[in-house]
Amino acid sequence: MAKRKKGYREVRRSAHQEAVYNFDSCGEEIVVPVDISAGSHQDYVEDCPVFCHPMTLHVDSSPDGEAHVEGEHE
């Protein structure tokens, strides 16, 4: 095994990350799991934890790993 230089830090990117979404009907915040290995655009259906109304969440991931979430009522 090669000797590492002082200050070397190994960084591992996980295939999974999280994004946050606030429901517009109640303001409740949820954490949306994002599997970046599944592509840069994903759709999820989540129920509002307060009113139980289903929402379609559209998640777009940028090449740098940032996830942007938008929602629309079912």
C-alpha atoms as a PDB file:
ATOM      1  CA  MET A   1       0.000   0.000   0.000  1.00  0.00           C
ATOM      2  CA  ALA A   2       1.358   3.412  -0.949  1.00  0.00           C
ATOM      3  CA  LYS A   3       2.197   5.850   1.790  1.00  0.00           C
ATOM      4  CA  ARG A   4      -0.164   8.832   1.838  1.00  0.00           C
ATOM      5  CA  LYS A   5       1.021  12.403   2.113  1.00  0.00           C
ATOM      6  CA  LYS A   6       0.201  14.312   5.268  1.00  0.00           C
ATOM      7  CA  GLY A   7      -3.169  16.061   4.950  1.00  0.00           C
ATOM      8  CA  TYR A   8      -4.479  13.580   2.396  1.00  0.00           C
ATOM      9  CA  ARG A   9      -8.177  12.967   2.756  1.00  0.00           C
ATOM     10  CA  GLU A  10     -10.094  10.309   0.888  1.00  0.00           C
ATOM     11  CA  VAL A  11     -13.508  11.481  -0.278  1.00  0.00           C
ATOM     12  CA  ARG A  12     -16.137   8.959  -1.229  1.00  0.00           C
ATOM     13  CA  ARG A  13     -19.326   9.985  -2.972  1.00  0.00           C
ATOM     14  CA  SER A  14     -22.339   7.977  -2.047  1.00  0.00           C
ATOM     15  CA  ALA A  15     -24.898   7.001  -4.697  1.00  0.00           C
ATOM     16  CA  HIS A  16     -27.543   8.257  -2.279  1.00  0.00           C
ATOM     17  CA  GLN A  17     -28.143  11.774  -1.042  1.00  0.00           C
ATOM     18  CA  GLU A  18     -31.030  13.732   0.387  1.00  0.00           C
ATOM     19  CA  ALA A  19     -33.003  16.799  -0.619  1.00  0.00           C
ATOM     20  CA  VAL A  20     -35.491  18.816   1.414  1.00  0.00           C
ATOM     21  CA  TYR A  21     -38.998  19.779   0.295  1.00  0.00           C
ATOM     22  CA  ASN A  22     -41.567  21.976   2.043  1.00  0.00           C
ATOM     23  CA  PHE A  23     -45.204  21.232   1.232  1.00  0.00           C
ATOM     24  CA  ASP A  24     -46.924  24.391   0.031  1.00  0.00           C
ATOM     25  CA  SER A  25     -50.247  23.450   1.656  1.00  0.00           C
ATOM     26  CA  CYS A  26     -48.941  23.218   5.222  1.00  0.00           C
ATOM     27  CA  GLY A  27     -45.240  24.147   5.224  1.00  0.00           C
ATOM     28  CA  GLU A  28     -44.224  20.733   6.558  1.00  0.00           C
ATOM     29  CA  GLU A  29     -40.654  19.813   5.645  1.00  0.00           C
ATOM     30  CA  ILE A  30     -39.727  16.318   4.465  1.00  0.00           C
ATOM     31  CA  VAL A  31     -36.448  14.731   3.479  1.00  0.00           C
ATOM     32  CA  VAL A  32     -36.527  13.176   0.011  1.00  0.00           C
ATOM     33  CA  PRO A  33     -34.038  10.371  -0.706  1.00  0.00           C
ATOM     34  CA  VAL A  34     -32.227  10.847  -4.006  1.00  0.00           C
ATOM     35  CA  ASP A  35     -30.426   7.968  -5.712  1.00  0.00           C
ATOM     36  CA  ILE A  36     -28.037   9.757  -8.058  1.00  0.00           C
ATOM     37  CA  SER A  37     -27.228   6.459  -9.797  1.00  0.00           C
ATOM     38  CA  ALA A  38     -30.850   6.425 -11.083  1.00  0.00           C
ATOM     39  CA  GLY A  39     -30.293   9.455 -13.313  1.00  0.00           C
ATOM     40  CA  SER A  40     -30.466  13.218 -13.147  1.00  0.00           C
ATOM     41  CA  HIS A  41     -34.285  13.404 -13.190  1.00  0.00           C
ATOM     42  CA  GLN A  42     -36.531  11.389 -10.880  1.00  0.00           C
ATOM     43  CA  ASP A  43     -40.177  11.537  -9.840  1.00  0.00           C
ATOM     44  CA  TYR A  44     -41.524  10.514  -6.444  1.00  0.00           C
ATOM     45  CA  VAL A  45     -45.051  10.452  -5.039  1.00  0.00           C
ATOM     46  CA  GLU A  46     -45.171  11.483  -1.386  1.00  0.00           C
ATOM     47  CA  ASP A  47     -48.130  12.084   0.907  1.00  0.00           C
ATOM     48  CA  CYS A  48     -48.212  15.313   2.862  1.00  0.00           C
ATOM     49  CA  PRO A  49     -47.554  14.252   6.480  1.00  0.00           C
ATOM     50  CA  VAL A  50     -50.169  16.723   7.774  1.00  0.00           C
ATOM     51  CA  PHE A  51     -53.023  16.555   5.255  1.00  0.00           C
ATOM     52  CA  CYS A  52     -52.221  13.185   3.565  1.00  0.00           C
ATOM     53  CA  HIS A  53     -52.607  14.711   0.085  1.00  0.00           C
ATOM     54  CA  PRO A  54     -50.359  13.008  -2.478  1.00  0.00           C
ATOM     55  CA  MET A  55     -47.819  15.184  -4.271  1.00  0.00           C
ATOM     56  CA  THR A  56     -45.635  14.337  -7.235  1.00  0.00           C
ATOM     57  CA  LEU A  57     -42.100  15.488  -6.479  1.00  0.00           C
ATOM     58  CA  HIS A  58     -39.764  16.132  -9.397  1.00  0.00           C
ATOM     59  CA  VAL A  59     -36.107  15.882  -8.437  1.00  0.00           C
ATOM     60  CA  ASP A  60     -33.371  17.151 -10.733  1.00  0.00           C
ATOM     61  CA  SER A  61     -29.719  16.586  -9.854  1.00  0.00           C
ATOM     62  CA  SER A  62     -26.933  18.740 -11.219  1.00  0.00           C
ATOM     63  CA  PRO A  63     -23.543  17.257 -12.201  1.00  0.00           C
ATOM     64  CA  ASP A  64     -22.034  18.592  -8.959  1.00  0.00           C
ATOM     65  CA  GLY A  65     -24.538  16.574  -6.871  1.00  0.00           C
ATOM     66  CA  GLU A  66     -26.969  19.343  -5.903  1.00  0.00           C
ATOM     67  CA  ALA A  67     -30.617  18.256  -5.968  1.00  0.00           C
ATOM     68  CA  HIS A  68     -33.521  20.580  -6.714  1.00  0.00           C
ATOM     69  CA  VAL A  69     -37.064  19.483  -5.799  1.00  0.00           C
ATOM     70  CA  GLU A  70     -40.363  20.822  -7.172  1.00  0.00           C
ATOM     71  CA  GLY A  71     -43.817  19.483  -6.358  1.00  0.00           C
ATOM     72  CA  GLU A  72     -47.267  19.394  -7.884  1.00  0.00           C
ATOM     73  CA  HIS A  73     -50.577  18.143  -6.536  1.00  0.00           C
ATOM     74  CA  GLU A  74     -51.812  14.781  -7.768  1.00  0.00           C
END
